[in-house]
Amino acid sequence: MTRRRDEIAWADPALLILGSLAGGAKHGYAIVQDVAESAGASLGPGTLYGALARLEERGMVRALPGDERRRPYEITAEGARVLRERLVAMRSFSARGLARLQAARA
């Protein structure tokens, strides 16, 4: 994942990929585009396909039949469960962090 010097890498590539696939099956380039638009993160090919391979090994995504150049992936029930758990935890963390920032201003 590439980023500007002033950015902090907040997002795990696997989480970004699962979040993208939650919207429907996509091939690699479509995942990269979706992640860039929705999270402002750039996934390189090595990062993307390495993470997809690990997610597939863990049963969180599955490859679908594709044509010669494009192979779509979809999220599995296990992937959706893990994504949901992580997003709920992030929401709690975010709310707590925002409350602390607000209290520090007062």
PDB file of N, CA and C in Angstrom:
ATOM      1  N   MET A   1       0.859  -1.161   0.000  1.00  0.00           N
ATOM      2  CA  MET A   1       0.000   0.000   0.000  1.00  0.00           C
ATOM      3  C   MET A   1       0.900   1.217   0.000  1.00  0.00           C
ATOM      4  N   THR A   2       0.718   2.117  -0.932  1.00  0.00           N
ATOM      5  CA  THR A   2       1.525   3.326  -0.979  1.00  0.00           C
ATOM      6  C   THR A   2       0.750   4.466  -0.358  1.00  0.00           C
ATOM      7  N   ARG A   3       1.493   5.454   0.157  1.00  0.00           N
ATOM      8  CA  ARG A   3       0.838   6.596   0.783  1.00  0.00           C
ATOM      9  C   ARG A   3       1.748   7.806   0.722  1.00  0.00           C
ATOM     10  N   ARG A   4       1.171   8.957   0.911  1.00  0.00           N
ATOM     11  CA  ARG A   4       1.959  10.183   1.002  1.00  0.00           C
ATOM     12  C   ARG A   4       2.744  10.145   2.295  1.00  0.00           C
ATOM     13  N   ARG A   5       3.777  10.957   2.373  1.00  0.00           N
ATOM     14  CA  ARG A   5       4.623  10.984   3.572  1.00  0.00           C
ATOM     15  C   ARG A   5       3.863  11.365   4.823  1.00  0.00           C
ATOM     16  N   ASP A   6       2.848  12.229   4.702  1.00  0.00           N
ATOM     17  CA  ASP A   6       2.135  12.702   5.885  1.00  0.00           C
ATOM     18  C   ASP A   6       0.959  11.818   6.279  1.00  0.00           C
ATOM     19  N   GLU A   7       0.715  10.750   5.545  1.00  0.00           N
ATOM     20  CA  GLU A   7      -0.389   9.853   5.881  1.00  0.00           C
ATOM     21  C   GLU A   7       0.090   8.736   6.795  1.00  0.00           C
ATOM     22  N   ILE A   8      -0.793   8.283   7.630  1.00  0.00           N
ATOM     23  CA  ILE A   8      -0.529   7.127   8.476  1.00  0.00           C
ATOM     24  C   ILE A   8      -1.311   5.957   7.899  1.00  0.00           C
ATOM     25  N   ALA A   9      -0.675   4.814   7.804  1.00  0.00           N
ATOM     26  CA  ALA A   9      -1.347   3.631   7.252  1.00  0.00           C
ATOM     27  C   ALA A   9      -2.285   3.062   8.305  1.00  0.00           C
ATOM     28  N   TRP A  10      -3.538   3.464   8.260  1.00  0.00           N
ATOM     29  CA  TRP A  10      -4.537   3.013   9.235  1.00  0.00           C
ATOM     30  C   TRP A  10      -5.150   1.691   8.849  1.00  0.00           C
ATOM     31  N   ALA A  11      -5.222   1.431   7.553  1.00  0.00           N
ATOM     32  CA  ALA A  11      -6.033   0.307   7.112  1.00  0.00           C
ATOM     33  C   ALA A  11      -5.184  -0.892   6.708  1.00  0.00           C
ATOM     34  N   ASP A  12      -5.610  -2.026   7.151  1.00  0.00           N
ATOM     35  CA  ASP A  12      -5.045  -3.305   6.775  1.00  0.00           C
ATOM     36  C   ASP A  12      -5.538  -3.624   5.363  1.00  0.00           C
ATOM     37  N   PRO A  13      -4.635  -3.988   4.432  1.00  0.00           N
ATOM     38  CA  PRO A  13      -5.099  -4.303   3.075  1.00  0.00           C
ATOM     39  C   PRO A  13      -6.207  -5.359   3.048  1.00  0.00           C
ATOM     40  N   ALA A  14      -6.122  -6.366   3.914  1.00  0.00           N
ATOM     41  CA  ALA A  14      -7.158  -7.404   3.931  1.00  0.00           C
ATOM     42  C   ALA A  14      -8.514  -6.807   4.283  1.00  0.00           C
ATOM     43  N   LEU A  15      -8.537  -5.903   5.233  1.00  0.00           N
ATOM     44  CA  LEU A  15      -9.787  -5.267   5.629  1.00  0.00           C
ATOM     45  C   LEU A  15     -10.342  -4.403   4.491  1.00  0.00           C
ATOM     46  N   LEU A  16      -9.459  -3.691   3.804  1.00  0.00           N
ATOM     47  CA  LEU A  16      -9.894  -2.884   2.662  1.00  0.00           C
ATOM     48  C   LEU A  16     -10.486  -3.763   1.561  1.00  0.00           C
ATOM     49  N   ILE A  17      -9.863  -4.893   1.316  1.00  0.00           N
ATOM     50  CA  ILE A  17     -10.353  -5.812   0.284  1.00  0.00           C
ATOM     51  C   ILE A  17     -11.704  -6.399   0.685  1.00  0.00           C
ATOM     52  N   LEU A  18     -11.823  -6.843   1.922  1.00  0.00           N
ATOM     53  CA  LEU A  18     -13.105  -7.378   2.386  1.00  0.00           C
ATOM     54  C   LEU A  18     -14.195  -6.312   2.285  1.00  0.00           C
ATOM     55  N   GLY A  19     -13.871  -5.088   2.662  1.00  0.00           N
ATOM     56  CA  GLY A  19     -14.843  -4.000   2.564  1.00  0.00           C
ATOM     57  C   GLY A  19     -15.282  -3.756   1.130  1.00  0.00           C
ATOM     58  N   SER A  20     -14.347  -3.851   0.211  1.00  0.00           N
ATOM     59  CA  SER A  20     -14.694  -3.682  -1.198  1.00  0.00           C
ATOM     60  C   SER A  20     -15.587  -4.816  -1.687  1.00  0.00           C
ATOM     61  N   LEU A  21     -15.214  -6.036  -1.344  1.00  0.00           N
ATOM     62  CA  LEU A  21     -15.987  -7.196  -1.808  1.00  0.00           C
ATOM     63  C   LEU A  21     -17.348  -7.309  -1.132  1.00  0.00           C
ATOM     64  N   ALA A  22     -17.537  -6.625  -0.010  1.00  0.00           N
ATOM     65  CA  ALA A  22     -18.854  -6.618   0.632  1.00  0.00           C
ATOM     66  C   ALA A  22     -19.899  -6.004  -0.298  1.00  0.00           C
ATOM     67  N   GLY A  23     -19.456  -5.168  -1.231  1.00  0.00           N
ATOM     68  CA  GLY A  23     -20.363  -4.555  -2.195  1.00  0.00           C
ATOM     69  C   GLY A  23     -20.635  -5.412  -3.420  1.00  0.00           C
ATOM     70  N   GLY A  24     -20.009  -6.575  -3.495  1.00  0.00           N
ATOM     71  CA  GLY A  24     -20.215  -7.470  -4.632  1.00  0.00           C
ATOM     72  C   GLY A  24     -18.890  -7.969  -5.174  1.00  0.00           C
ATOM     73  N   ALA A  25     -18.952  -9.015  -5.966  1.00  0.00           N
ATOM     74  CA  ALA A  25     -17.753  -9.629  -6.542  1.00  0.00           C
ATOM     75  C   ALA A  25     -17.044  -8.633  -7.463  1.00  0.00           C
ATOM     76  N   LYS A  26     -15.708  -8.670  -7.408  1.00  0.00           N
ATOM     77  CA  LYS A  26     -14.893  -7.780  -8.239  1.00  0.00           C
ATOM     78  C   LYS A  26     -13.603  -8.485  -8.617  1.00  0.00           C
ATOM     79  N   HIS A  27     -13.024  -8.072  -9.737  1.00  0.00           N
ATOM     80  CA  HIS A  27     -11.692  -8.542 -10.106  1.00  0.00           C
ATOM     81  C   HIS A  27     -10.674  -7.567  -9.511  1.00  0.00           C
ATOM     82  N   GLY A  28      -9.404  -7.905  -9.618  1.00  0.00           N
ATOM     83  CA  GLY A  28      -8.354  -7.139  -8.947  1.00  0.00           C
ATOM     84  C   GLY A  28      -8.359  -5.649  -9.221  1.00  0.00           C
ATOM     85  N   TYR A  29      -8.412  -5.254 -10.497  1.00  0.00           N
ATOM     86  CA  TYR A  29      -8.377  -3.831 -10.821  1.00  0.00           C
ATOM     87  C   TYR A  29      -9.579  -3.099 -10.237  1.00  0.00           C
ATOM     88  N   ALA A  30     -10.739  -3.726 -10.269  1.00  0.00           N
ATOM     89  CA  ALA A  30     -11.946  -3.105  -9.705  1.00  0.00           C
ATOM     90  C   ALA A  30     -11.814  -2.947  -8.191  1.00  0.00           C
ATOM     91  N   ILE A  31     -11.163  -3.899  -7.525  1.00  0.00           N
ATOM     92  CA  ILE A  31     -10.925  -3.777  -6.084  1.00  0.00           C
ATOM     93  C   ILE A  31     -10.008  -2.586  -5.818  1.00  0.00           C
ATOM     94  N   VAL A  32      -8.929  -2.481  -6.581  1.00  0.00           N
ATOM     95  CA  VAL A  32      -7.982  -1.368  -6.422  1.00  0.00           C
ATOM     96  C   VAL A  32      -8.705  -0.034  -6.593  1.00  0.00           C
ATOM     97  N   GLN A  33      -9.519   0.073  -7.631  1.00  0.00           N
ATOM     98  CA  GLN A  33     -10.266   1.311  -7.890  1.00  0.00           C
ATOM     99  C   GLN A  33     -11.237   1.623  -6.752  1.00  0.00           C
ATOM    100  N   ASP A  34     -11.967   0.622  -6.296  1.00  0.00           N
ATOM    101  CA  ASP A  34     -12.942   0.817  -5.230  1.00  0.00           C
ATOM    102  C   ASP A  34     -12.259   1.253  -3.931  1.00  0.00           C
ATOM    103  N   VAL A  35     -11.153   0.610  -3.593  1.00  0.00           N
ATOM    104  CA  VAL A  35     -10.419   0.964  -2.378  1.00  0.00           C
ATOM    105  C   VAL A  35      -9.898   2.390  -2.479  1.00  0.00           C
ATOM    106  N   ALA A  36      -9.394   2.768  -3.635  1.00  0.00           N
ATOM    107  CA  ALA A  36      -8.898   4.138  -3.825  1.00  0.00           C
ATOM    108  C   ALA A  36     -10.020   5.152  -3.637  1.00  0.00           C
ATOM    109  N   GLU A  37     -11.191   4.861  -4.197  1.00  0.00           N
ATOM    110  CA  GLU A  37     -12.325   5.786  -4.096  1.00  0.00           C
ATOM    111  C   GLU A  37     -12.926   5.821  -2.697  1.00  0.00           C
ATOM    112  N   SER A  38     -13.060   4.669  -2.076  1.00  0.00           N
ATOM    113  CA  SER A  38     -13.764   4.623  -0.792  1.00  0.00           C
ATOM    114  C   SER A  38     -12.871   4.893   0.407  1.00  0.00           C
ATOM    115  N   ALA A  39     -11.582   4.544   0.314  1.00  0.00           N
ATOM    116  CA  ALA A  39     -10.700   4.685   1.478  1.00  0.00           C
ATOM    117  C   ALA A  39      -9.524   5.607   1.222  1.00  0.00           C
ATOM    118  N   GLY A  40      -9.347   6.027  -0.017  1.00  0.00           N
ATOM    119  CA  GLY A  40      -8.215   6.882  -0.326  1.00  0.00           C
ATOM    120  C   GLY A  40      -6.878   6.163  -0.221  1.00  0.00           C
ATOM    121  N   ALA A  41      -6.893   4.837  -0.294  1.00  0.00           N
ATOM    122  CA  ALA A  41      -5.670   4.048  -0.181  1.00  0.00           C
ATOM    123  C   ALA A  41      -5.329   3.450  -1.537  1.00  0.00           C
ATOM    124  N   SER A  42      -4.045   3.266  -1.762  1.00  0.00           N
ATOM    125  CA  SER A  42      -3.572   2.698  -3.014  1.00  0.00           C
ATOM    126  C   SER A  42      -2.963   1.330  -2.743  1.00  0.00           C
ATOM    127  N   LEU A  43      -3.530   0.307  -3.336  1.00  0.00           N
ATOM    128  CA  LEU A  43      -3.005  -1.049  -3.200  1.00  0.00           C
ATOM    129  C   LEU A  43      -2.213  -1.406  -4.449  1.00  0.00           C
ATOM    130  N   GLY A  44      -0.960  -1.777  -4.275  1.00  0.00           N
ATOM    131  CA  GLY A  44      -0.162  -2.246  -5.392  1.00  0.00           C
ATOM    132  C   GLY A  44      -0.494  -3.696  -5.690  1.00  0.00           C
ATOM    133  N   PRO A  45      -0.091  -4.195  -6.862  1.00  0.00           N
ATOM    134  CA  PRO A  45      -0.412  -5.568  -7.241  1.00  0.00           C
ATOM    135  C   PRO A  45       0.115  -6.607  -6.251  1.00  0.00           C
ATOM    136  N   GLY A  46       1.318  -6.445  -5.766  1.00  0.00           N
ATOM    137  CA  GLY A  46       1.866  -7.407  -4.811  1.00  0.00           C
ATOM    138  C   GLY A  46       1.072  -7.451  -3.530  1.00  0.00           C
ATOM    139  N   THR A  47       0.712  -6.281  -3.031  1.00  0.00           N
ATOM    140  CA  THR A  47      -0.087  -6.196  -1.807  1.00  0.00           C
ATOM    141  C   THR A  47      -1.466  -6.800  -2.032  1.00  0.00           C
ATOM    142  N   LEU A  48      -2.102  -6.420  -3.133  1.00  0.00           N
ATOM    143  CA  LEU A  48      -3.452  -6.899  -3.435  1.00  0.00           C
ATOM    144  C   LEU A  48      -3.491  -8.415  -3.562  1.00  0.00           C
ATOM    145  N   TYR A  49      -2.661  -8.962  -4.432  1.00  0.00           N
ATOM    146  CA  TYR A  49      -2.762 -10.398  -4.703  1.00  0.00           C
ATOM    147  C   TYR A  49      -2.200 -11.238  -3.564  1.00  0.00           C
ATOM    148  N   GLY A  50      -1.237 -10.707  -2.813  1.00  0.00           N
ATOM    149  CA  GLY A  50      -0.782 -11.406  -1.616  1.00  0.00           C
ATOM    150  C   GLY A  50      -1.887 -11.486  -0.575  1.00  0.00           C
ATOM    151  N   ALA A  51      -2.579 -10.368  -0.362  1.00  0.00           N
ATOM    152  CA  ALA A  51      -3.684 -10.343   0.608  1.00  0.00           C
ATOM    153  C   ALA A  51      -4.838 -11.224   0.142  1.00  0.00           C
ATOM    154  N   LEU A  52      -5.146 -11.186  -1.151  1.00  0.00           N
ATOM    155  CA  LEU A  52      -6.215 -12.046  -1.672  1.00  0.00           C
ATOM    156  C   LEU A  52      -5.876 -13.525  -1.459  1.00  0.00           C
ATOM    157  N   ALA A  53      -4.630 -13.902  -1.688  1.00  0.00           N
ATOM    158  CA  ALA A  53      -4.227 -15.302  -1.488  1.00  0.00           C
ATOM    159  C   ALA A  53      -4.388 -15.703  -0.025  1.00  0.00           C
ATOM    160  N   ARG A  54      -3.977 -14.827   0.893  1.00  0.00           N
ATOM    161  CA  ARG A  54      -4.129 -15.136   2.328  1.00  0.00           C
ATOM    162  C   ARG A  54      -5.606 -15.202   2.724  1.00  0.00           C
ATOM    163  N   LEU A  55      -6.406 -14.294   2.212  1.00  0.00           N
ATOM    164  CA  LEU A  55      -7.842 -14.315   2.515  1.00  0.00           C
ATOM    165  C   LEU A  55      -8.495 -15.584   1.959  1.00  0.00           C
ATOM    166  N   GLU A  56      -8.062 -16.005   0.783  1.00  0.00           N
ATOM    167  CA  GLU A  56      -8.620 -17.226   0.195  1.00  0.00           C
ATOM    168  C   GLU A  56      -8.206 -18.446   1.026  1.00  0.00           C
ATOM    169  N   GLU A  57      -6.955 -18.495   1.466  1.00  0.00           N
ATOM    170  CA  GLU A  57      -6.481 -19.601   2.312  1.00  0.00           C
ATOM    171  C   GLU A  57      -7.273 -19.691   3.613  1.00  0.00           C
ATOM    172  N   ARG A  58      -7.698 -18.552   4.139  1.00  0.00           N
ATOM    173  CA  ARG A  58      -8.438 -18.501   5.402  1.00  0.00           C
ATOM    174  C   ARG A  58      -9.951 -18.631   5.207  1.00  0.00           C
ATOM    175  N   GLY A  59     -10.375 -18.811   3.969  1.00  0.00           N
ATOM    176  CA  GLY A  59     -11.796 -19.011   3.696  1.00  0.00           C
ATOM    177  C   GLY A  59     -12.629 -17.746   3.769  1.00  0.00           C
ATOM    178  N   MET A  60     -11.999 -16.578   3.628  1.00  0.00           N
ATOM    179  CA  MET A  60     -12.737 -15.324   3.721  1.00  0.00           C
ATOM    180  C   MET A  60     -13.162 -14.771   2.362  1.00  0.00           C
ATOM    181  N   VAL A  61     -12.486 -15.202   1.310  1.00  0.00           N
ATOM    182  CA  VAL A  61     -12.884 -14.872  -0.061  1.00  0.00           C
ATOM    183  C   VAL A  61     -12.757 -16.124  -0.895  1.00  0.00           C
ATOM    184  N   ARG A  62     -13.416 -16.127  -2.026  1.00  0.00           N
ATOM    185  CA  ARG A  62     -13.252 -17.225  -2.965  1.00  0.00           C
ATOM    186  C   ARG A  62     -13.156 -16.635  -4.368  1.00  0.00           C
ATOM    187  N   ALA A  63     -12.317 -17.283  -5.174  1.00  0.00           N
ATOM    188  CA  ALA A  63     -12.185 -16.884  -6.570  1.00  0.00           C
ATOM    189  C   ALA A  63     -13.328 -17.483  -7.360  1.00  0.00           C
ATOM    190  N   LEU A  64     -13.852 -16.709  -8.263  1.00  0.00           N
ATOM    191  CA  LEU A  64     -14.925 -17.161  -9.151  1.00  0.00           C
ATOM    192  C   LEU A  64     -14.333 -17.427 -10.528  1.00  0.00           C
ATOM    193  N   PRO A  65     -15.037 -18.202 -11.348  1.00  0.00           N
ATOM    194  CA  PRO A  65     -14.540 -18.392 -12.715  1.00  0.00           C
ATOM    195  C   PRO A  65     -14.453 -17.044 -13.427  1.00  0.00           C
ATOM    196  N   GLY A  66     -13.395 -16.874 -14.174  1.00  0.00           N
ATOM    197  CA  GLY A  66     -13.218 -15.615 -14.894  1.00  0.00           C
ATOM    198  C   GLY A  66     -12.768 -15.872 -16.309  1.00  0.00           C
ATOM    199  N   ASP A  67     -12.463 -14.803 -17.002  1.00  0.00           N
ATOM    200  CA  ASP A  67     -11.938 -14.964 -18.349  1.00  0.00           C
ATOM    201  C   ASP A  67     -10.416 -15.061 -18.265  1.00  0.00           C
ATOM    202  N   GLU A  68      -9.744 -14.973 -19.378  1.00  0.00           N
ATOM    203  CA  GLU A  68      -8.295 -15.148 -19.401  1.00  0.00           C
ATOM    204  C   GLU A  68      -7.554 -14.102 -18.576  1.00  0.00           C
ATOM    205  N   ARG A  69      -8.037 -12.892 -18.542  1.00  0.00           N
ATOM    206  CA  ARG A  69      -7.305 -11.807 -17.900  1.00  0.00           C
ATOM    207  C   ARG A  69      -7.842 -11.416 -16.532  1.00  0.00           C
ATOM    208  N   ARG A  70      -9.091 -11.630 -16.286  1.00  0.00           N
ATOM    209  CA  ARG A  70      -9.701 -11.150 -15.045  1.00  0.00           C
ATOM    210  C   ARG A  70     -10.348 -12.290 -14.286  1.00  0.00           C
ATOM    211  N   ARG A  71     -10.001 -12.337 -13.009  1.00  0.00           N
ATOM    212  CA  ARG A  71     -10.583 -13.369 -12.139  1.00  0.00           C
ATOM    213  C   ARG A  71     -11.290 -12.649 -10.999  1.00  0.00           C
ATOM    214  N   PRO A  72     -12.611 -12.714 -10.949  1.00  0.00           N
ATOM    215  CA  PRO A  72     -13.317 -12.037  -9.865  1.00  0.00           C
ATOM    216  C   PRO A  72     -13.238 -12.832  -8.557  1.00  0.00           C
ATOM    217  N   TYR A  73     -13.372 -12.105  -7.476  1.00  0.00           N
ATOM    218  CA  TYR A  73     -13.402 -12.682  -6.130  1.00  0.00           C
ATOM    219  C   TYR A  73     -14.679 -12.230  -5.445  1.00  0.00           C
ATOM    220  N   GLU A  74     -15.148 -13.057  -4.521  1.00  0.00           N
ATOM    221  CA  GLU A  74     -16.299 -12.669  -3.711  1.00  0.00           C
ATOM    222  C   GLU A  74     -16.000 -12.962  -2.254  1.00  0.00           C
ATOM    223  N   ILE A  75     -16.661 -12.215  -1.384  1.00  0.00           N
ATOM    224  CA  ILE A  75     -16.522 -12.427   0.054  1.00  0.00           C
ATOM    225  C   ILE A  75     -17.367 -13.639   0.454  1.00  0.00           C
ATOM    226  N   THR A  76     -16.870 -14.412   1.400  1.00  0.00           N
ATOM    227  CA  THR A  76     -17.619 -15.561   1.915  1.00  0.00           C
ATOM    228  C   THR A  76     -18.345 -15.159   3.192  1.00  0.00           C
ATOM    229  N   ALA A  77     -19.146 -16.060   3.719  1.00  0.00           N
ATOM    230  CA  ALA A  77     -19.841 -15.790   4.982  1.00  0.00           C
ATOM    231  C   ALA A  77     -18.817 -15.542   6.101  1.00  0.00           C
ATOM    232  N   GLU A  78     -17.732 -16.312   6.105  1.00  0.00           N
ATOM    233  CA  GLU A  78     -16.683 -16.103   7.122  1.00  0.00           C
ATOM    234  C   GLU A  78     -16.034 -14.736   6.956  1.00  0.00           C
ATOM    235  N   GLY A  79     -15.770 -14.344   5.724  1.00  0.00           N
ATOM    236  CA  GLY A  79     -15.198 -13.019   5.472  1.00  0.00           C
ATOM    237  C   GLY A  79     -16.127 -11.911   5.927  1.00  0.00           C
ATOM    238  N   ALA A  80     -17.412 -12.067   5.676  1.00  0.00           N
ATOM    239  CA  ALA A  80     -18.400 -11.065   6.107  1.00  0.00           C
ATOM    240  C   ALA A  80     -18.460 -10.994   7.633  1.00  0.00           C
ATOM    241  N   ARG A  81     -18.366 -12.140   8.293  1.00  0.00           N
ATOM    242  CA  ARG A  81     -18.382 -12.161   9.760  1.00  0.00           C
ATOM    243  C   ARG A  81     -17.169 -11.421  10.324  1.00  0.00           C
ATOM    244  N   VAL A  82     -16.004 -11.703   9.777  1.00  0.00           N
ATOM    245  CA  VAL A  82     -14.776 -11.053  10.246  1.00  0.00           C
ATOM    246  C   VAL A  82     -14.834  -9.557   9.962  1.00  0.00           C
ATOM    247  N   LEU A  83     -15.273  -9.176   8.779  1.00  0.00           N
ATOM    248  CA  LEU A  83     -15.385  -7.759   8.431  1.00  0.00           C
ATOM    249  C   LEU A  83     -16.324  -7.041   9.392  1.00  0.00           C
ATOM    250  N   ARG A  84     -17.480  -7.634   9.660  1.00  0.00           N
ATOM    251  CA  ARG A  84     -18.449  -7.026  10.570  1.00  0.00           C
ATOM    252  C   ARG A  84     -17.831  -6.809  11.960  1.00  0.00           C
ATOM    253  N   GLU A  85     -17.152  -7.830  12.479  1.00  0.00           N
ATOM    254  CA  GLU A  85     -16.516  -7.720  13.798  1.00  0.00           C
ATOM    255  C   GLU A  85     -15.486  -6.602  13.827  1.00  0.00           C
ATOM    256  N   ARG A  86     -14.657  -6.535  12.803  1.00  0.00           N
ATOM    257  CA  ARG A  86     -13.614  -5.500  12.755  1.00  0.00           C
ATOM    258  C   ARG A  86     -14.217  -4.100  12.643  1.00  0.00           C
ATOM    259  N   LEU A  87     -15.259  -3.952  11.825  1.00  0.00           N
ATOM    260  CA  LEU A  87     -15.885  -2.638  11.654  1.00  0.00           C
ATOM    261  C   LEU A  87     -16.580  -2.174  12.932  1.00  0.00           C
ATOM    262  N   VAL A  88     -17.222  -3.079  13.635  1.00  0.00           N
ATOM    263  CA  VAL A  88     -17.852  -2.720  14.910  1.00  0.00           C
ATOM    264  C   VAL A  88     -16.780  -2.279  15.906  1.00  0.00           C
ATOM    265  N   ALA A  89     -15.671  -3.012  15.970  1.00  0.00           N
ATOM    266  CA  ALA A  89     -14.582  -2.634  16.874  1.00  0.00           C
ATOM    267  C   ALA A  89     -14.001  -1.278  16.481  1.00  0.00           C
ATOM    268  N   MET A  90     -13.867  -1.027  15.189  1.00  0.00           N
ATOM    269  CA  MET A  90     -13.342   0.261  14.726  1.00  0.00           C
ATOM    270  C   MET A  90     -14.302   1.393  15.057  1.00  0.00           C
ATOM    271  N   ARG A  91     -15.594   1.125  14.967  1.00  0.00           N
ATOM    272  CA  ARG A  91     -16.585   2.159  15.295  1.00  0.00           C
ATOM    273  C   ARG A  91     -16.467   2.540  16.760  1.00  0.00           C
ATOM    274  N   SER A  92     -16.316   1.557  17.629  1.00  0.00           N
ATOM    275  CA  SER A  92     -16.143   1.816  19.057  1.00  0.00           C
ATOM    276  C   SER A  92     -14.867   2.602  19.314  1.00  0.00           C
ATOM    277  N   PHE A  93     -13.779   2.196  18.688  1.00  0.00           N
ATOM    278  CA  PHE A  93     -12.501   2.892  18.837  1.00  0.00           C
ATOM    279  C   PHE A  93     -12.612   4.336  18.352  1.00  0.00           C
ATOM    280  N   SER A  94     -13.261   4.522  17.214  1.00  0.00           N
ATOM    281  CA  SER A  94     -13.434   5.850  16.640  1.00  0.00           C
ATOM    282  C   SER A  94     -14.244   6.755  17.568  1.00  0.00           C
ATOM    283  N   ALA A  95     -15.341   6.239  18.090  1.00  0.00           N
ATOM    284  CA  ALA A  95     -16.190   7.027  18.987  1.00  0.00           C
ATOM    285  C   ALA A  95     -15.410   7.435  20.242  1.00  0.00           C
ATOM    286  N   ARG A  96     -14.656   6.510  20.788  1.00  0.00           N
ATOM    287  CA  ARG A  96     -13.868   6.791  21.984  1.00  0.00           C
ATOM    288  C   ARG A  96     -12.791   7.846  21.686  1.00  0.00           C
ATOM    289  N   GLY A  97     -12.117   7.700  20.567  1.00  0.00           N
ATOM    290  CA  GLY A  97     -11.084   8.667  20.193  1.00  0.00           C
ATOM    291  C   GLY A  97     -11.653  10.055  19.951  1.00  0.00           C
ATOM    292  N   LEU A  98     -12.793  10.139  19.281  1.00  0.00           N
ATOM    293  CA  LEU A  98     -13.428  11.437  19.040  1.00  0.00           C
ATOM    294  C   LEU A  98     -13.882  12.086  20.344  1.00  0.00           C
ATOM    295  N   ALA A  99     -14.409  11.299  21.257  1.00  0.00           N
ATOM    296  CA  ALA A  99     -14.825  11.827  22.561  1.00  0.00           C
ATOM    297  C   ALA A  99     -13.623  12.352  23.325  1.00  0.00           C
ATOM    298  N   ARG A 100     -12.514  11.663  23.264  1.00  0.00           N
ATOM    299  CA  ARG A 100     -11.297  12.125  23.955  1.00  0.00           C
ATOM    300  C   ARG A 100     -10.789  13.432  23.353  1.00  0.00           C
ATOM    301  N   LEU A 101     -10.830  13.536  22.044  1.00  0.00           N
ATOM    302  CA  LEU A 101     -10.407  14.778  21.410  1.00  0.00           C
ATOM    303  C   LEU A 101     -11.317  15.939  21.812  1.00  0.00           C
ATOM    304  N   GLN A 102     -12.606  15.684  21.859  1.00  0.00           N
ATOM    305  CA  GLN A 102     -13.567  16.708  22.262  1.00  0.00           C
ATOM    306  C   GLN A 102     -13.318  17.142  23.701  1.00  0.00           C
ATOM    307  N   ALA A 103     -13.080  16.185  24.572  1.00  0.00           N
ATOM    308  CA  ALA A 103     -12.823  16.500  25.985  1.00  0.00           C
ATOM    309  C   ALA A 103     -11.528  17.283  26.142  1.00  0.00           C
ATOM    310  N   ALA A 104     -10.540  16.983  25.311  1.00  0.00           N
ATOM    311  CA  ALA A 104      -9.257  17.691  25.407  1.00  0.00           C
ATOM    312  C   ALA A 104      -9.396  19.150  24.989  1.00  0.00           C
ATOM    313  N   ARG A 105     -10.346  19.456  24.116  1.00  0.00           N
ATOM    314  CA  ARG A 105     -10.569  20.840  23.676  1.00  0.00           C
ATOM    315  C   ARG A 105     -11.265  21.674  24.738  1.00  0.00           C
ATOM    316  N   ALA A 106     -12.054  21.006  25.597  1.00  0.00           N
ATOM    317  CA  ALA A 106     -12.859  21.722  26.589  1.00  0.00           C
ATOM    318  C   ALA A 106     -12.020  22.264  27.732  1.00  0.00           C
TER     319      ALA A 106
END
